[in-house]
Amino acid sequence: MDILSMSGSKPKKKKSFLQTLFGCAFSLGQEKTVVSLTADAQPGEDAAGWMHKLGGKGKAKFWQKRLFVLKGTELYYYKNRADPEPKGVIRLTGASFYFVKSSTDKENHFRIKHSDFKVRDLAAEDQVWLDAWTELIEKAIEKADKNKEMAGWLFKKDKRGKQGWKRRYCVISADGVLRYYENPDDLTCKGHLDLKGGGVELVGADKIGKRQSSLRESMQGGRFTFNVLLEDQTRQFYSESFTDRQKWIASIERNSKRGEENSDHDSDEGGAKGRGACVVSGWALKKGGGNSTFGRRDWKKRFLVLTKDGTLYWFKKELHAHKMGSLQANHHGYPSKYNHAFKIDTPNRSKGFEARAETNAEMRLFCKEIQEIAGEHKGGSTEAEANMV
């Protein structure tokens, strides 16, 4: 079959986005036919309509009529509307499409292609439906690119570090979540990481961030490794090329800032933008949430910021844009058994929050401010006052 267009540009004049969204039309003499991809769409769906999909394996391939439903940048297909679950999905993040002149009797044929796995052959009912579908798909691909969405293969280190590295197809979507799949066609992900408020860092020799070092490492059989920083945990990935890793890092950095962009700028201290003015801040050793090798929770140095709205944030660096975690400090703080340490009992954390300030005075200041905030929320209590005496 002959390729007509590699870029997805149409042989005919492009229609406007409104024409695609609300209906495309063509004329035959005095007759006019209007098609719409939104008429059959249900709540939560951007578009819905019928197309043919080329299925089968090897030489035994055949065209199957399927109902296609567009949700964001994912194109699901069903055997019919009554099916409770889709038969499959075509993810448009990182995709491209082009028209083909089929050597078979199937007209209005086009392909959706990803660089790292198989192409998908689709065919519309006629030229009008072809224009409607391809323009909508083109818009979805452009939207994914604009939102710094990303899709492709990465190697992910097992959470416990015992199973080594596993190859996963990863997708960063517009909601700022990284989902990883065993195969690109899988409907259910193996897991997901919420990137909002997190961060990313290079690992090992790559920390200097020079391309020459990375290329040298690759020639020696190395991996282009990076860490995804989340609240109280770090996940490690690697790509097989320097260029791919740079793209992933840029996408993760962009998506980790989601949720902060639309906030008000009441205070910029500690990176807690729009969270309320800072009441007290300072360095402390925060007790970790996970278990170490010897069954104890590790102490990690963090920059704490307590705001007027009662939120306590902790950061890896002072004035850092990405918080490591936060909690609502509307429960009384009181000194713990460790020197300069204070504790906050919270219902959502089984072992509470515990941190060691640099001095006893700083510890008491944190407890005092937390106590006042808790008093505003609960009408006060004498428990914290008794513990601070």
Protein backbone atom coordinates (compact mmCIF):
# COMPACT_ATOMS: atom_id res chain seq x y z
CA MET A 1 0.00 0.00 0.00
CA ASP A 2 1.20 3.51 -0.83
CA ILE A 3 1.65 6.19 1.77
CA LEU A 4 -0.08 9.45 0.86
CA SER A 5 0.92 11.56 3.83
CA MET A 6 3.42 10.91 6.62
CA SER A 7 2.57 14.01 8.63
CA GLY A 8 -1.17 13.50 8.87
CA SER A 9 -1.92 16.50 6.63
CA LYS A 10 -5.04 16.02 4.58
CA PRO A 11 -5.23 15.93 0.79
CA LYS A 12 -8.31 18.14 1.01
CA LYS A 13 -8.80 21.47 2.70
CA LYS A 14 -8.93 21.21 6.48
CA LYS A 15 -12.15 21.97 8.28
CA SER A 16 -12.32 24.10 11.40
CA PHE A 17 -12.32 22.56 14.85
CA LEU A 18 -15.94 23.65 15.39
CA GLN A 19 -16.95 21.80 12.24
CA THR A 20 -15.30 18.67 13.60
CA LEU A 21 -16.80 19.05 17.06
CA PHE A 22 -20.36 19.88 16.06
CA GLY A 23 -20.62 18.28 12.65
CA CYS A 24 -18.95 18.05 9.24
CA ALA A 25 -20.89 18.50 6.02
CA PHE A 26 -20.51 17.78 2.31
CA SER A 27 -22.73 18.38 -0.70
CA LEU A 28 -23.85 16.13 -3.54
CA GLY A 29 -25.80 18.32 -5.91
CA GLN A 30 -28.47 19.95 -3.78
CA GLU A 31 -28.28 17.34 -0.99
CA LYS A 32 -26.28 17.94 2.16
CA THR A 33 -25.19 15.33 4.71
CA VAL A 34 -24.10 16.26 8.24
CA VAL A 35 -22.14 13.98 10.57
CA SER A 36 -21.36 14.47 14.23
CA LEU A 37 -18.94 12.68 16.54
CA THR A 38 -20.59 14.10 19.66
CA ALA A 39 -24.20 13.03 19.02
CA ASP A 40 -23.70 9.51 20.40
CA ALA A 41 -21.14 10.47 23.04
CA GLN A 42 -22.16 9.74 26.62
CA PRO A 43 -21.14 11.76 29.74
CA GLY A 44 -17.37 11.59 30.18
CA GLU A 45 -16.79 10.93 26.47
CA ASP A 46 -15.42 13.53 24.04
CA ALA A 47 -16.59 11.73 20.90
CA ALA A 48 -18.08 8.43 19.75
CA GLY A 49 -18.63 6.79 16.37
CA TRP A 50 -18.08 3.73 14.22
CA MET A 51 -14.93 2.82 12.28
CA HIS A 52 -13.31 -0.34 10.94
CA LYS A 53 -10.18 -1.72 12.59
CA LEU A 54 -7.78 -4.15 10.94
CA GLY A 55 -7.39 -7.19 13.20
CA GLY A 56 -5.86 -10.65 13.07
CA LYS A 57 -2.25 -11.81 12.78
CA GLY A 58 0.14 -12.45 9.92
CA LYS A 59 -1.65 -13.00 6.62
CA ALA A 60 -4.95 -13.79 8.36
CA LYS A 61 -6.02 -10.16 8.78
CA PHE A 62 -9.54 -8.85 8.42
CA TRP A 63 -11.50 -5.66 9.02
CA GLN A 64 -13.79 -5.47 12.06
CA LYS A 65 -16.40 -2.82 12.71
CA ARG A 66 -15.96 -1.27 16.15
CA LEU A 67 -17.47 1.56 18.16
CA PHE A 68 -14.67 4.02 18.98
CA VAL A 69 -14.90 6.35 21.98
CA LEU A 70 -12.46 9.20 22.59
CA LYS A 71 -11.76 10.13 26.22
CA GLY A 72 -9.08 12.78 26.49
CA THR A 73 -6.10 11.32 24.64
CA GLU A 74 -7.23 7.68 24.78
CA LEU A 75 -9.25 6.07 21.98
CA TYR A 76 -11.20 3.04 23.27
CA TYR A 77 -13.00 0.59 21.00
CA TYR A 78 -15.99 -1.65 21.73
CA LYS A 79 -17.77 -4.39 19.82
CA ASN A 80 -21.01 -2.58 20.57
CA ARG A 81 -22.36 0.00 23.00
CA ALA A 82 -23.75 -2.68 25.32
CA ASP A 83 -20.27 -4.04 26.13
CA PRO A 84 -19.40 -3.27 29.78
CA GLU A 85 -15.68 -3.10 29.03
CA PRO A 86 -13.79 -1.98 25.90
CA LYS A 87 -12.01 -4.50 23.69
CA GLY A 88 -8.89 -2.37 23.66
CA VAL A 89 -7.39 1.10 23.68
CA ILE A 90 -5.20 3.21 21.40
CA ARG A 91 -3.25 5.80 23.37
CA LEU A 92 -2.69 8.96 21.35
CA THR A 93 0.06 10.40 23.56
CA GLY A 94 3.26 10.42 21.53
CA ALA A 95 1.45 9.12 18.43
CA SER A 96 1.25 10.30 14.82
CA PHE A 97 -1.04 9.38 11.95
CA TYR A 98 -0.90 9.27 8.19
CA PHE A 99 -3.17 8.40 5.29
CA VAL A 100 -2.59 5.35 3.11
CA LYS A 101 -3.86 4.26 -0.27
CA SER A 102 -4.95 0.71 0.41
CA SER A 103 -4.21 -2.08 -2.03
CA THR A 104 -7.37 -3.77 -0.73
CA ASP A 105 -10.94 -2.67 -1.32
CA LYS A 106 -10.98 -0.70 1.96
CA GLU A 107 -11.23 3.03 1.34
CA ASN A 108 -10.72 5.97 3.73
CA HIS A 109 -7.84 4.14 5.36
CA PHE A 110 -5.36 5.73 7.81
CA ARG A 111 -2.83 4.59 10.39
CA ILE A 112 -2.00 5.61 13.94
CA LYS A 113 1.66 5.00 14.65
CA HIS A 114 3.92 5.02 17.71
CA SER A 115 7.68 4.93 17.36
CA ASP A 116 8.15 2.05 19.77
CA PHE A 117 5.36 -0.41 18.95
CA LYS A 118 2.97 -1.55 16.26
CA VAL A 119 0.83 0.64 14.02
CA ARG A 120 -2.98 0.60 14.07
CA ASP A 121 -4.92 0.45 10.79
CA LEU A 122 -8.32 2.16 10.85
CA ALA A 123 -10.85 3.05 8.18
CA ALA A 124 -13.80 5.43 8.28
CA GLU A 125 -17.16 4.87 6.60
CA ASP A 126 -16.55 7.56 3.97
CA GLN A 127 -14.53 10.69 3.26
CA VAL A 128 -16.65 12.88 5.55
CA TRP A 129 -16.23 10.59 8.54
CA LEU A 130 -12.54 10.26 7.69
CA ASP A 131 -12.11 14.04 7.88
CA ALA A 132 -14.06 14.22 11.15
CA TRP A 133 -12.11 11.44 12.86
CA THR A 134 -8.63 12.41 11.69
CA GLU A 135 -9.07 16.06 12.64
CA LEU A 136 -10.29 15.09 16.10
CA ILE A 137 -7.38 12.67 16.54
CA GLU A 138 -4.96 15.35 15.35
CA LYS A 139 -6.33 17.77 17.96
CA ALA A 140 -5.95 15.14 20.71
CA ILE A 141 -2.32 14.47 19.71
CA GLU A 142 -1.56 18.21 19.71
CA LYS A 143 -3.23 18.60 23.11
CA ALA A 144 -1.11 15.80 24.58
CA ASP A 145 2.05 17.43 23.26
CA LYS A 146 1.05 20.85 24.60
CA ASN A 147 0.34 19.41 28.06
CA LYS A 148 3.81 17.77 28.14
CA GLU A 149 2.22 14.33 28.24
CA MET A 150 4.65 11.49 27.59
CA ALA A 151 4.47 7.83 26.62
CA GLY A 152 7.07 5.15 25.99
CA TRP A 153 9.11 2.31 27.41
CA LEU A 154 11.07 2.64 30.66
CA PHE A 155 12.70 0.19 33.02
CA LYS A 156 11.31 0.45 36.55
CA LYS A 157 13.08 -0.83 39.63
CA ASP A 158 11.03 -3.12 41.82
CA LYS A 159 9.69 -1.30 44.88
CA ARG A 160 11.42 -3.70 47.26
CA GLY A 161 14.55 -3.93 45.16
CA LYS A 162 14.45 -7.74 45.11
CA GLN A 163 12.99 -8.40 41.67
CA GLY A 164 15.42 -6.20 39.75
CA TRP A 165 14.30 -4.09 36.81
CA LYS A 166 11.07 -4.57 34.85
CA ARG A 167 10.27 -3.10 31.45
CA ARG A 168 7.07 -1.09 31.61
CA TYR A 169 5.15 1.05 29.15
CA CYS A 170 4.75 4.37 30.96
CA VAL A 171 2.24 7.13 30.26
CA ILE A 172 2.18 10.59 31.87
CA SER A 173 -1.32 11.99 31.31
CA ALA A 174 -2.84 15.45 31.67
CA ASP A 175 -3.88 14.79 35.29
CA GLY A 176 -0.21 14.70 36.35
CA VAL A 177 -0.19 10.95 37.01
CA LEU A 178 2.39 8.49 35.67
CA ARG A 179 0.79 5.12 34.93
CA TYR A 180 2.82 2.08 33.95
CA TYR A 181 1.59 -0.96 32.01
CA GLU A 182 3.03 -4.34 31.17
CA ASN A 183 2.03 -3.80 27.51
CA PRO A 184 0.91 -0.68 25.59
CA ASP A 185 -2.46 -2.32 24.82
CA ASP A 186 -3.32 -3.14 28.44
CA LEU A 187 -6.49 -1.53 29.74
CA THR A 188 -5.44 -1.78 33.40
CA CYS A 189 -2.18 -0.31 34.66
CA LYS A 190 0.20 -2.19 36.96
CA GLY A 191 0.51 0.88 39.14
CA HIS A 192 0.57 4.66 39.14
CA LEU A 193 2.55 7.55 40.64
CA ASP A 194 0.98 10.93 41.37
CA LEU A 195 3.66 13.39 40.26
CA LYS A 196 1.98 16.52 41.61
CA GLY A 197 4.15 18.12 44.28
CA GLY A 198 6.99 15.67 43.64
CA GLY A 199 10.24 16.03 41.75
CA VAL A 200 12.92 14.26 39.76
CA GLU A 201 16.69 13.89 40.10
CA LEU A 202 19.55 12.27 38.23
CA VAL A 203 21.40 9.31 39.71
CA GLY A 204 25.09 8.53 40.15
CA ALA A 205 27.59 9.90 37.65
CA ASP A 206 24.80 11.60 35.70
CA LYS A 207 24.26 14.14 38.50
CA ILE A 208 26.74 16.49 36.86
CA GLY A 209 24.25 16.66 33.98
CA LYS A 210 26.80 16.57 31.14
CA ARG A 211 26.01 14.78 27.91
CA GLN A 212 29.60 13.52 27.48
CA SER A 213 29.48 11.73 30.81
CA SER A 214 26.15 10.11 29.92
CA LEU A 215 27.38 8.98 26.50
CA ARG A 216 30.51 7.49 28.06
CA GLU A 217 28.37 5.68 30.61
CA SER A 218 26.16 4.31 27.81
CA MET A 219 29.16 2.99 25.88
CA GLN A 220 30.17 1.08 29.01
CA GLY A 221 26.77 -0.58 29.16
CA GLY A 222 25.38 1.87 31.71
CA ARG A 223 21.82 3.05 32.16
CA PHE A 224 20.37 6.52 31.93
CA THR A 225 18.89 6.45 35.42
CA PHE A 226 16.71 8.95 37.30
CA ASN A 227 14.69 9.04 40.50
CA VAL A 228 11.07 10.14 40.76
CA LEU A 229 10.65 11.85 44.14
CA LEU A 230 7.31 11.36 45.87
CA GLU A 231 6.02 11.91 49.36
CA ASP A 232 8.01 9.66 51.72
CA GLN A 233 9.29 7.48 48.87
CA THR A 234 11.51 7.44 45.80
CA ARG A 235 11.02 5.35 42.66
CA GLN A 236 13.87 4.63 40.26
CA PHE A 237 13.65 4.34 36.46
CA TYR A 238 16.07 4.21 33.58
CA SER A 239 15.82 4.80 29.84
CA GLU A 240 17.98 3.32 27.12
CA SER A 241 19.06 6.66 25.64
CA PHE A 242 20.20 10.03 26.92
CA THR A 243 17.68 11.90 24.74
CA ASP A 244 14.72 9.87 26.00
CA ARG A 245 15.70 10.43 29.59
CA GLN A 246 15.88 14.19 29.07
CA LYS A 247 12.35 14.13 27.62
CA TRP A 248 11.04 12.11 30.56
CA ILE A 249 12.70 14.44 33.08
CA ALA A 250 11.21 17.52 31.38
CA SER A 251 7.73 15.97 31.39
CA ILE A 252 7.97 14.89 35.04
CA GLU A 253 9.19 18.33 36.12
CA ARG A 254 6.34 20.00 34.25
CA ASN A 255 3.67 17.69 35.67
CA SER A 256 5.05 17.80 39.22
CA LYS A 257 4.14 21.51 39.30
CA ARG A 258 0.46 20.88 38.56
CA GLY A 259 -1.75 22.11 41.40
CA GLU A 260 0.66 24.95 42.21
CA GLU A 261 0.21 26.92 38.98
CA ASN A 262 -3.35 28.07 39.70
CA SER A 263 -2.80 28.82 43.39
CA ASP A 264 -2.74 32.32 44.88
CA HIS A 265 0.61 33.72 45.95
CA ASP A 266 0.00 34.40 49.64
CA SER A 267 3.49 33.21 50.51
CA ASP A 268 6.45 31.84 48.59
CA GLU A 269 8.44 30.66 51.56
CA GLY A 270 9.46 27.03 51.39
CA GLY A 271 7.71 26.72 48.04
CA ALA A 272 4.31 26.56 49.79
CA LYS A 273 2.70 28.96 47.32
CA GLY A 274 -0.89 29.93 47.86
CA ARG A 275 -1.13 27.82 51.01
CA GLY A 276 -1.44 30.73 53.44
CA ALA A 277 1.16 32.99 55.09
CA CYS A 278 4.05 31.26 56.83
CA VAL A 279 3.84 31.19 60.65
CA VAL A 280 7.10 29.42 61.46
CA SER A 281 9.73 27.56 59.46
CA GLY A 282 13.08 25.88 60.01
CA TRP A 283 15.24 22.81 59.57
CA ALA A 284 14.45 19.61 61.46
CA LEU A 285 15.06 15.88 61.33
CA LYS A 286 11.79 14.24 60.30
CA LYS A 287 11.08 10.65 61.24
CA GLY A 288 10.44 8.60 58.10
CA GLY A 289 7.30 6.67 57.38
CA GLY A 290 8.96 3.51 56.04
CA ASN A 291 10.97 0.80 57.79
CA SER A 292 14.73 0.63 57.50
CA THR A 293 16.80 -2.55 57.26
CA PHE A 294 16.88 -2.88 61.05
CA GLY A 295 13.18 -2.27 61.57
CA ARG A 296 13.59 1.40 62.61
CA ARG A 297 12.28 4.47 60.91
CA ASP A 298 15.06 6.69 59.58
CA TRP A 299 15.47 10.38 60.42
CA LYS A 300 15.80 12.63 57.37
CA LYS A 301 16.69 16.31 57.27
CA ARG A 302 13.76 18.37 56.02
CA PHE A 303 12.80 22.05 55.88
CA LEU A 304 9.47 22.50 57.70
CA VAL A 305 6.96 25.26 56.94
CA LEU A 306 3.83 25.80 59.06
CA THR A 307 1.23 28.09 57.46
CA LYS A 308 -1.69 30.03 58.94
CA ASP A 309 -4.25 27.64 57.51
CA GLY A 310 -2.77 24.87 59.68
CA THR A 311 -0.86 23.00 56.99
CA LEU A 312 2.62 21.69 57.81
CA TYR A 313 4.83 21.16 54.73
CA TRP A 314 8.24 19.55 54.52
CA PHE A 315 10.79 20.02 51.76
CA LYS A 316 14.13 18.57 50.80
CA LYS A 317 15.60 22.05 50.30
CA GLU A 318 14.79 25.48 51.68
CA LEU A 319 12.59 27.54 49.33
CA HIS A 320 12.18 24.47 47.14
CA ALA A 321 9.34 24.32 44.62
CA HIS A 322 8.43 20.67 45.24
CA LYS A 323 7.14 19.60 48.63
CA MET A 324 8.00 16.13 49.91
CA GLY A 325 4.79 15.93 51.90
CA SER A 326 2.24 17.75 54.04
CA LEU A 327 -0.37 17.24 56.75
CA GLN A 328 -3.11 19.25 58.38
CA ALA A 329 -1.69 20.33 61.75
CA ASN A 330 -5.04 20.90 63.46
CA HIS A 331 -4.07 18.45 66.21
CA HIS A 332 -2.00 19.48 69.23
CA GLY A 333 1.77 19.24 69.02
CA TYR A 334 3.73 18.17 72.08
CA PRO A 335 7.34 17.29 72.96
CA SER A 336 8.34 13.67 72.42
CA LYS A 337 10.95 11.49 74.17
CA TYR A 338 13.79 12.65 71.89
CA ASN A 339 15.83 15.83 72.48
CA HIS A 340 14.34 18.90 70.73
CA ALA A 341 11.66 16.64 69.19
CA PHE A 342 7.92 17.21 68.92
CA LYS A 343 5.06 14.99 67.82
CA ILE A 344 1.66 15.49 66.20
CA ASP A 345 -0.97 12.78 66.52
CA THR A 346 -3.03 12.63 63.34
CA PRO A 347 -5.85 10.21 62.46
CA ASN A 348 -4.45 9.59 58.96
CA ARG A 349 -0.97 8.56 60.12
CA SER A 350 -0.86 5.47 62.34
CA LYS A 351 2.44 6.48 63.98
CA GLY A 352 1.83 10.22 63.91
CA PHE A 353 4.25 12.88 62.73
CA GLU A 354 7.52 13.34 64.60
CA ALA A 355 10.44 15.71 64.01
CA ARG A 356 13.53 16.94 65.87
CA ALA A 357 14.21 20.68 65.72
CA GLU A 358 17.74 22.09 65.87
CA THR A 359 17.16 23.65 69.29
CA ASN A 360 14.75 23.22 72.18
CA ALA A 361 13.49 26.77 71.62
CA GLU A 362 12.55 26.00 68.00
CA MET A 363 10.77 22.84 69.12
CA ARG A 364 8.68 24.82 71.63
CA LEU A 365 7.91 27.46 69.00
CA PHE A 366 6.56 24.83 66.62
CA CYS A 367 4.48 23.27 69.42
CA LYS A 368 3.13 26.68 70.48
CA GLU A 369 2.01 27.64 66.97
CA ILE A 370 0.50 24.21 66.30
CA GLN A 371 -1.33 24.43 69.62
CA GLU A 372 -2.81 27.82 68.73
CA ILE A 373 -3.96 26.60 65.31
CA ALA A 374 -5.45 23.46 66.86
CA GLY A 375 -7.24 25.65 69.42
CA GLU A 376 -8.85 27.65 66.64
CA HIS A 377 -10.09 24.43 65.00
CA LYS A 378 -11.20 22.62 68.14
CA GLY A 379 -11.76 25.33 70.71
CA GLY A 380 -8.51 24.67 72.54
CA SER A 381 -7.21 22.04 74.90
CA THR A 382 -4.95 21.90 77.92
CA GLU A 383 -3.15 18.69 76.94
CA ALA A 384 -0.46 20.39 74.86
CA GLU A 385 0.03 23.11 77.50
CA ALA A 386 0.63 20.47 80.15
CA ASN A 387 3.15 18.66 77.98
CA MET A 388 5.09 21.87 77.28
CA VAL A 389 5.61 22.80 80.93
